[in-house]
Amino acid sequence: MADSAVSTIAKPQMRGLLHNVIKRNLIVAIALSAACGFSYKLLVGNVRKRNYAEFYRTYDAEKEFEEMRSKGLFQSC
């Protein structure tokens, strides 16, 4: 009866411990970096791409040039 109440601790893993820890850490690192990269693309990249598209859709180069020329920013014009 006393033998069943006492539990024995598991033997420590002596062979391949470093290999298993490195494998687990590598899997976790790859998963986290993929998640961070995907979230950065969604939260920053797509917003930046949309802002650039909006800017160039409404940008008038001739109007900007005339405005800078009227302010006297060009010496040759």
PDB file of N, CA and C in Angstrom:
ATOM      1  N   MET A   1       0.819  -1.180   0.000  1.00  0.00           N
ATOM      2  CA  MET A   1       0.000   0.000   0.000  1.00  0.00           C
ATOM      3  C   MET A   1       0.871   1.255   0.000  1.00  0.00           C
ATOM      4  N   ALA A   2       1.921   1.257   0.680  1.00  0.00           N
ATOM      5  CA  ALA A   2       2.816   2.407   0.726  1.00  0.00           C
ATOM      6  C   ALA A   2       3.563   2.560  -0.590  1.00  0.00           C
ATOM      7  N   ASP A   3       3.780   1.431  -1.295  1.00  0.00           N
ATOM      8  CA  ASP A   3       4.490   1.503  -2.566  1.00  0.00           C
ATOM      9  C   ASP A   3       3.676   2.219  -3.644  1.00  0.00           C
ATOM     10  N   SER A   4       2.371   2.055  -3.648  1.00  0.00           N
ATOM     11  CA  SER A   4       1.550   2.696  -4.671  1.00  0.00           C
ATOM     12  C   SER A   4       1.376   4.192  -4.389  1.00  0.00           C
ATOM     13  N   ALA A   5       1.493   4.611  -3.165  1.00  0.00           N
ATOM     14  CA  ALA A   5       1.339   6.018  -2.814  1.00  0.00           C
ATOM     15  C   ALA A   5       2.598   6.817  -3.149  1.00  0.00           C
ATOM     16  N   VAL A   6       3.735   6.137  -3.171  1.00  0.00           N
ATOM     17  CA  VAL A   6       4.990   6.815  -3.463  1.00  0.00           C
ATOM     18  C   VAL A   6       5.216   6.761  -4.970  1.00  0.00           C
ATOM     19  N   SER A   7       5.402   7.936  -5.589  1.00  0.00           N
ATOM     20  CA  SER A   7       5.663   7.965  -7.023  1.00  0.00           C
ATOM     21  C   SER A   7       7.146   8.212  -7.237  1.00  0.00           C
ATOM     22  N   THR A   8       7.663   7.603  -8.259  1.00  0.00           N
ATOM     23  CA  THR A   8       9.074   7.785  -8.567  1.00  0.00           C
ATOM     24  C   THR A   8       9.204   8.880  -9.614  1.00  0.00           C
ATOM     25  N   ILE A   9      10.257   9.638  -9.524  1.00  0.00           N
ATOM     26  CA  ILE A   9      10.472  10.689 -10.502  1.00  0.00           C
ATOM     27  C   ILE A   9      11.039  10.070 -11.774  1.00  0.00           C
ATOM     28  N   ALA A  10      10.777  10.715 -12.871  1.00  0.00           N
ATOM     29  CA  ALA A  10      11.235  10.207 -14.156  1.00  0.00           C
ATOM     30  C   ALA A  10      12.744  10.382 -14.267  1.00  0.00           C
ATOM     31  N   LYS A  11      13.360   9.480 -14.997  1.00  0.00           N
ATOM     32  CA  LYS A  11      14.802   9.582 -15.208  1.00  0.00           C
ATOM     33  C   LYS A  11      15.099  10.766 -16.121  1.00  0.00           C
ATOM     34  N   PRO A  12      16.158  11.480 -15.873  1.00  0.00           N
ATOM     35  CA  PRO A  12      16.491  12.604 -16.747  1.00  0.00           C
ATOM     36  C   PRO A  12      16.945  12.112 -18.118  1.00  0.00           C
ATOM     37  N   GLN A  13      16.661  12.912 -19.107  1.00  0.00           N
ATOM     38  CA  GLN A  13      17.070  12.560 -20.458  1.00  0.00           C
ATOM     39  C   GLN A  13      18.538  12.934 -20.613  1.00  0.00           C
ATOM     40  N   MET A  14      19.353  11.953 -20.866  1.00  0.00           N
ATOM     41  CA  MET A  14      20.788  12.186 -20.926  1.00  0.00           C
ATOM     42  C   MET A  14      21.290  12.303 -22.360  1.00  0.00           C
ATOM     43  N   ARG A  15      20.669  11.617 -23.285  1.00  0.00           N
ATOM     44  CA  ARG A  15      21.116  11.654 -24.677  1.00  0.00           C
ATOM     45  C   ARG A  15      20.124  12.433 -25.523  1.00  0.00           C
ATOM     46  N   GLY A  16      20.640  13.305 -26.390  1.00  0.00           N
ATOM     47  CA  GLY A  16      19.792  14.030 -27.324  1.00  0.00           C
ATOM     48  C   GLY A  16      19.036  15.197 -26.721  1.00  0.00           C
ATOM     49  N   LEU A  17      19.384  15.596 -25.506  1.00  0.00           N
ATOM     50  CA  LEU A  17      18.655  16.693 -24.872  1.00  0.00           C
ATOM     51  C   LEU A  17      18.868  18.001 -25.629  1.00  0.00           C
ATOM     52  N   LEU A  18      20.108  18.315 -25.963  1.00  0.00           N
ATOM     53  CA  LEU A  18      20.399  19.550 -26.698  1.00  0.00           C
ATOM     54  C   LEU A  18      19.712  19.546 -28.060  1.00  0.00           C
ATOM     55  N   HIS A  19      19.722  18.424 -28.728  1.00  0.00           N
ATOM     56  CA  HIS A  19      19.069  18.311 -30.041  1.00  0.00           C
ATOM     57  C   HIS A  19      17.575  18.591 -29.922  1.00  0.00           C
ATOM     58  N   ASN A  20      16.935  18.019 -28.922  1.00  0.00           N
ATOM     59  CA  ASN A  20      15.488  18.220 -28.745  1.00  0.00           C
ATOM     60  C   ASN A  20      15.154  19.659 -28.368  1.00  0.00           C
ATOM     61  N   VAL A  21      15.984  20.264 -27.523  1.00  0.00           N
ATOM     62  CA  VAL A  21      15.738  21.650 -27.120  1.00  0.00           C
ATOM     63  C   VAL A  21      15.934  22.589 -28.306  1.00  0.00           C
ATOM     64  N   ILE A  22      16.975  22.366 -29.094  1.00  0.00           N
ATOM     65  CA  ILE A  22      17.221  23.205 -30.262  1.00  0.00           C
ATOM     66  C   ILE A  22      16.092  23.053 -31.275  1.00  0.00           C
ATOM     67  N   LYS A  23      15.635  21.824 -31.480  1.00  0.00           N
ATOM     68  CA  LYS A  23      14.545  21.589 -32.425  1.00  0.00           C
ATOM     69  C   LYS A  23      13.277  22.317 -31.981  1.00  0.00           C
ATOM     70  N   ARG A  24      12.944  22.235 -30.710  1.00  0.00           N
ATOM     71  CA  ARG A  24      11.758  22.911 -30.192  1.00  0.00           C
ATOM     72  C   ARG A  24      11.898  24.431 -30.312  1.00  0.00           C
ATOM     73  N   ASN A  25      13.064  24.961 -29.938  1.00  0.00           N
ATOM     74  CA  ASN A  25      13.286  26.401 -30.024  1.00  0.00           C
ATOM     75  C   ASN A  25      13.247  26.892 -31.469  1.00  0.00           C
ATOM     76  N   LEU A  26      13.763  26.100 -32.394  1.00  0.00           N
ATOM     77  CA  LEU A  26      13.749  26.468 -33.802  1.00  0.00           C
ATOM     78  C   LEU A  26      12.324  26.509 -34.342  1.00  0.00           C
ATOM     79  N   ILE A  27      11.516  25.557 -33.977  1.00  0.00           N
ATOM     80  CA  ILE A  27      10.119  25.527 -34.412  1.00  0.00           C
ATOM     81  C   ILE A  27       9.367  26.735 -33.860  1.00  0.00           C
ATOM     82  N   VAL A  28       9.580  27.040 -32.585  1.00  0.00           N
ATOM     83  CA  VAL A  28       8.917  28.192 -31.969  1.00  0.00           C
ATOM     84  C   VAL A  28       9.387  29.489 -32.629  1.00  0.00           C
ATOM     85  N   ALA A  29      10.695  29.610 -32.887  1.00  0.00           N
ATOM     86  CA  ALA A  29      11.233  30.829 -33.497  1.00  0.00           C
ATOM     87  C   ALA A  29      10.686  31.028 -34.906  1.00  0.00           C
ATOM     88  N   ILE A  30      10.612  29.963 -35.689  1.00  0.00           N
ATOM     89  CA  ILE A  30      10.085  30.073 -37.054  1.00  0.00           C
ATOM     90  C   ILE A  30       8.607  30.447 -37.032  1.00  0.00           C
ATOM     91  N   ALA A  31       7.840  29.843 -36.134  1.00  0.00           N
ATOM     92  CA  ALA A  31       6.418  30.152 -36.042  1.00  0.00           C
ATOM     93  C   ALA A  31       6.193  31.605 -35.616  1.00  0.00           C
ATOM     94  N   LEU A  32       6.943  32.075 -34.628  1.00  0.00           N
ATOM     95  CA  LEU A  32       6.785  33.449 -34.165  1.00  0.00           C
ATOM     96  C   LEU A  32       7.217  34.462 -35.222  1.00  0.00           C
ATOM     97  N   SER A  33       8.311  34.170 -35.910  1.00  0.00           N
ATOM     98  CA  SER A  33       8.764  35.110 -36.940  1.00  0.00           C
ATOM     99  C   SER A  33       7.789  35.152 -38.110  1.00  0.00           C
ATOM    100  N   ALA A  34       7.209  34.023 -38.470  1.00  0.00           N
ATOM    101  CA  ALA A  34       6.208  34.010 -39.540  1.00  0.00           C
ATOM    102  C   ALA A  34       4.964  34.792 -39.117  1.00  0.00           C
ATOM    103  N   ALA A  35       4.539  34.623 -37.878  1.00  0.00           N
ATOM    104  CA  ALA A  35       3.370  35.355 -37.380  1.00  0.00           C
ATOM    105  C   ALA A  35       3.641  36.853 -37.334  1.00  0.00           C
ATOM    106  N   CYS A  36       4.830  37.237 -36.882  1.00  0.00           N
ATOM    107  CA  CYS A  36       5.177  38.663 -36.824  1.00  0.00           C
ATOM    108  C   CYS A  36       5.294  39.255 -38.223  1.00  0.00           C
ATOM    109  N   GLY A  37       5.893  38.536 -39.147  1.00  0.00           N
ATOM    110  CA  GLY A  37       6.007  39.020 -40.514  1.00  0.00           C
ATOM    111  C   GLY A  37       4.661  39.195 -41.176  1.00  0.00           C
ATOM    112  N   PHE A  38       3.779  38.252 -40.977  1.00  0.00           N
ATOM    113  CA  PHE A  38       2.443  38.333 -41.572  1.00  0.00           C
ATOM    114  C   PHE A  38       1.646  39.481 -40.965  1.00  0.00           C
ATOM    115  N   SER A  39       1.730  39.638 -39.633  1.00  0.00           N
ATOM    116  CA  SER A  39       0.995  40.737 -39.000  1.00  0.00           C
ATOM    117  C   SER A  39       1.578  42.089 -39.400  1.00  0.00           C
ATOM    118  N   TYR A  40       2.899  42.199 -39.583  1.00  0.00           N
ATOM    119  CA  TYR A  40       3.506  43.449 -40.039  1.00  0.00           C
ATOM    120  C   TYR A  40       3.027  43.786 -41.447  1.00  0.00           C
ATOM    121  N   LYS A  41       2.958  42.755 -42.290  1.00  0.00           N
ATOM    122  CA  LYS A  41       2.472  42.984 -43.658  1.00  0.00           C
ATOM    123  C   LYS A  41       1.038  43.495 -43.641  1.00  0.00           C
ATOM    124  N   LEU A  42       0.203  42.897 -42.805  1.00  0.00           N
ATOM    125  CA  LEU A  42      -1.192  43.311 -42.754  1.00  0.00           C
ATOM    126  C   LEU A  42      -1.359  44.694 -42.140  1.00  0.00           C
ATOM    127  N   LEU A  43      -0.685  44.940 -41.023  1.00  0.00           N
ATOM    128  CA  LEU A  43      -0.921  46.167 -40.276  1.00  0.00           C
ATOM    129  C   LEU A  43      -0.137  47.362 -40.799  1.00  0.00           C
ATOM    130  N   VAL A  44       1.037  47.141 -41.387  1.00  0.00           N
ATOM    131  CA  VAL A  44       1.870  48.260 -41.826  1.00  0.00           C
ATOM    132  C   VAL A  44       2.000  48.288 -43.340  1.00  0.00           C
ATOM    133  N   GLY A  45       2.350  47.180 -43.936  1.00  0.00           N
ATOM    134  CA  GLY A  45       2.635  47.148 -45.371  1.00  0.00           C
ATOM    135  C   GLY A  45       1.451  47.494 -46.236  1.00  0.00           C
ATOM    136  N   ASN A  46       0.316  46.879 -45.956  1.00  0.00           N
ATOM    137  CA  ASN A  46      -0.870  47.144 -46.778  1.00  0.00           C
ATOM    138  C   ASN A  46      -1.373  48.572 -46.603  1.00  0.00           C
ATOM    139  N   VAL A  47      -1.285  49.100 -45.390  1.00  0.00           N
ATOM    140  CA  VAL A  47      -1.711  50.478 -45.144  1.00  0.00           C
ATOM    141  C   VAL A  47      -0.792  51.447 -45.884  1.00  0.00           C
ATOM    142  N   ARG A  48       0.514  51.183 -45.841  1.00  0.00           N
ATOM    143  CA  ARG A  48       1.469  52.048 -46.538  1.00  0.00           C
ATOM    144  C   ARG A  48       1.247  51.990 -48.049  1.00  0.00           C
ATOM    145  N   LYS A  49       1.015  50.796 -48.562  1.00  0.00           N
ATOM    146  CA  LYS A  49       0.770  50.639 -49.998  1.00  0.00           C
ATOM    147  C   LYS A  49      -0.492  51.389 -50.424  1.00  0.00           C
ATOM    148  N   ARG A  50      -1.530  51.313 -49.592  1.00  0.00           N
ATOM    149  CA  ARG A  50      -2.776  52.011 -49.884  1.00  0.00           C
ATOM    150  C   ARG A  50      -2.580  53.531 -49.840  1.00  0.00           C
ATOM    151  N   ASN A  51      -1.780  54.012 -48.882  1.00  0.00           N
ATOM    152  CA  ASN A  51      -1.527  55.453 -48.786  1.00  0.00           C
ATOM    153  C   ASN A  51      -0.738  55.962 -49.983  1.00  0.00           C
ATOM    154  N   TYR A  52       0.267  55.203 -50.429  1.00  0.00           N
ATOM    155  CA  TYR A  52       1.017  55.596 -51.622  1.00  0.00           C
ATOM    156  C   TYR A  52       0.113  55.617 -52.850  1.00  0.00           C
ATOM    157  N   ALA A  53      -0.726  54.621 -52.994  1.00  0.00           N
ATOM    158  CA  ALA A  53      -1.636  54.570 -54.142  1.00  0.00           C
ATOM    159  C   ALA A  53      -2.582  55.765 -54.133  1.00  0.00           C
ATOM    160  N   GLU A  54      -3.088  56.107 -52.961  1.00  0.00           N
ATOM    161  CA  GLU A  54      -3.991  57.265 -52.847  1.00  0.00           C
ATOM    162  C   GLU A  54      -3.258  58.558 -53.182  1.00  0.00           C
ATOM    163  N   PHE A  55      -2.018  58.700 -52.713  1.00  0.00           N
ATOM    164  CA  PHE A  55      -1.255  59.914 -52.993  1.00  0.00           C
ATOM    165  C   PHE A  55      -1.011  60.074 -54.487  1.00  0.00           C
ATOM    166  N   TYR A  56      -0.555  59.030 -55.145  1.00  0.00           N
ATOM    167  CA  TYR A  56      -0.237  59.147 -56.565  1.00  0.00           C
ATOM    168  C   TYR A  56      -1.477  59.183 -57.444  1.00  0.00           C
ATOM    169  N   ARG A  57      -2.608  58.737 -56.931  1.00  0.00           N
ATOM    170  CA  ARG A  57      -3.853  58.828 -57.690  1.00  0.00           C
ATOM    171  C   ARG A  57      -4.318  60.274 -57.762  1.00  0.00           C
ATOM    172  N   THR A  58      -4.074  61.036 -56.703  1.00  0.00           N
ATOM    173  CA  THR A  58      -4.539  62.422 -56.661  1.00  0.00           C
ATOM    174  C   THR A  58      -3.417  63.432 -56.885  1.00  0.00           C
ATOM    175  N   TYR A  59      -2.208  63.000 -57.192  1.00  0.00           N
ATOM    176  CA  TYR A  59      -1.061  63.897 -57.328  1.00  0.00           C
ATOM    177  C   TYR A  59      -1.038  64.546 -58.697  1.00  0.00           C
ATOM    178  N   ASP A  60      -0.834  65.841 -58.716  1.00  0.00           N
ATOM    179  CA  ASP A  60      -0.736  66.593 -59.967  1.00  0.00           C
ATOM    180  C   ASP A  60       0.641  67.247 -59.991  1.00  0.00           C
ATOM    181  N   ALA A  61       1.529  66.720 -60.818  1.00  0.00           N
ATOM    182  CA  ALA A  61       2.905  67.192 -60.867  1.00  0.00           C
ATOM    183  C   ALA A  61       2.995  68.612 -61.414  1.00  0.00           C
ATOM    184  N   GLU A  62       2.183  68.932 -62.398  1.00  0.00           N
ATOM    185  CA  GLU A  62       2.209  70.272 -62.973  1.00  0.00           C
ATOM    186  C   GLU A  62       1.789  71.324 -61.951  1.00  0.00           C
ATOM    187  N   LYS A  63       0.776  71.012 -61.183  1.00  0.00           N
ATOM    188  CA  LYS A  63       0.309  71.929 -60.144  1.00  0.00           C
ATOM    189  C   LYS A  63       1.398  72.153 -59.093  1.00  0.00           C
ATOM    190  N   GLU A  64       2.072  71.091 -58.675  1.00  0.00           N
ATOM    191  CA  GLU A  64       3.163  71.205 -57.711  1.00  0.00           C
ATOM    192  C   GLU A  64       4.308  72.042 -58.278  1.00  0.00           C
ATOM    193  N   PHE A  65       4.639  71.803 -59.540  1.00  0.00           N
ATOM    194  CA  PHE A  65       5.720  72.557 -60.171  1.00  0.00           C
ATOM    195  C   PHE A  65       5.399  74.041 -60.219  1.00  0.00           C
ATOM    196  N   GLU A  66       4.182  74.359 -60.629  1.00  0.00           N
ATOM    197  CA  GLU A  66       3.788  75.770 -60.711  1.00  0.00           C
ATOM    198  C   GLU A  66       3.776  76.426 -59.333  1.00  0.00           C
ATOM    199  N   GLU A  67       3.358  75.698 -58.328  1.00  0.00           N
ATOM    200  CA  GLU A  67       3.339  76.237 -56.970  1.00  0.00           C
ATOM    201  C   GLU A  67       4.762  76.512 -56.474  1.00  0.00           C
ATOM    202  N   MET A  68       5.695  75.585 -56.723  1.00  0.00           N
ATOM    203  CA  MET A  68       7.081  75.797 -56.320  1.00  0.00           C
ATOM    204  C   MET A  68       7.715  76.932 -57.111  1.00  0.00           C
ATOM    205  N   ARG A  69       7.374  77.026 -58.388  1.00  0.00           N
ATOM    206  CA  ARG A  69       7.930  78.097 -59.216  1.00  0.00           C
ATOM    207  C   ARG A  69       7.422  79.461 -58.769  1.00  0.00           C
ATOM    208  N   SER A  70       6.150  79.526 -58.385  1.00  0.00           N
ATOM    209  CA  SER A  70       5.587  80.792 -57.926  1.00  0.00           C
ATOM    210  C   SER A  70       6.188  81.232 -56.597  1.00  0.00           C
ATOM    211  N   LYS A  71       6.655  80.282 -55.788  1.00  0.00           N
ATOM    212  CA  LYS A  71       7.299  80.613 -54.517  1.00  0.00           C
ATOM    213  C   LYS A  71       8.763  80.999 -54.706  1.00  0.00           C
ATOM    214  N   GLY A  72       9.298  80.800 -55.906  1.00  0.00           N
ATOM    215  CA  GLY A  72      10.674  81.189 -56.178  1.00  0.00           C
ATOM    216  C   GLY A  72      11.697  80.171 -55.713  1.00  0.00           C
ATOM    217  N   LEU A  73      11.348  78.908 -55.705  1.00  0.00           N
ATOM    218  CA  LEU A  73      12.275  77.864 -55.247  1.00  0.00           C
ATOM    219  C   LEU A  73      13.266  77.446 -56.323  1.00  0.00           C
ATOM    220  N   PHE A  74      12.984  77.748 -57.591  1.00  0.00           N
ATOM    221  CA  PHE A  74      13.871  77.371 -58.681  1.00  0.00           C
ATOM    222  C   PHE A  74      14.644  78.608 -59.154  1.00  0.00           C
ATOM    223  N   GLN A  75      15.921  78.457 -59.318  1.00  0.00           N
ATOM    224  CA  GLN A  75      16.720  79.575 -59.810  1.00  0.00           C
ATOM    225  C   GLN A  75      16.731  79.621 -61.333  1.00  0.00           C
ATOM    226  N   SER A  76      16.534  78.472 -61.983  1.00  0.00           N
ATOM    227  CA  SER A  76      16.630  78.415 -63.450  1.00  0.00           C
ATOM    228  C   SER A  76      15.316  78.748 -64.138  1.00  0.00           C
ATOM    229  N   CYS A  77      14.216  78.724 -63.436  1.00  0.00           N
ATOM    230  CA  CYS A  77      12.896  78.972 -64.069  1.00  0.00           C
ATOM    231  C   CYS A  77      12.439  80.392 -63.812  1.00  0.00           C
TER     232      CYS A  77
END
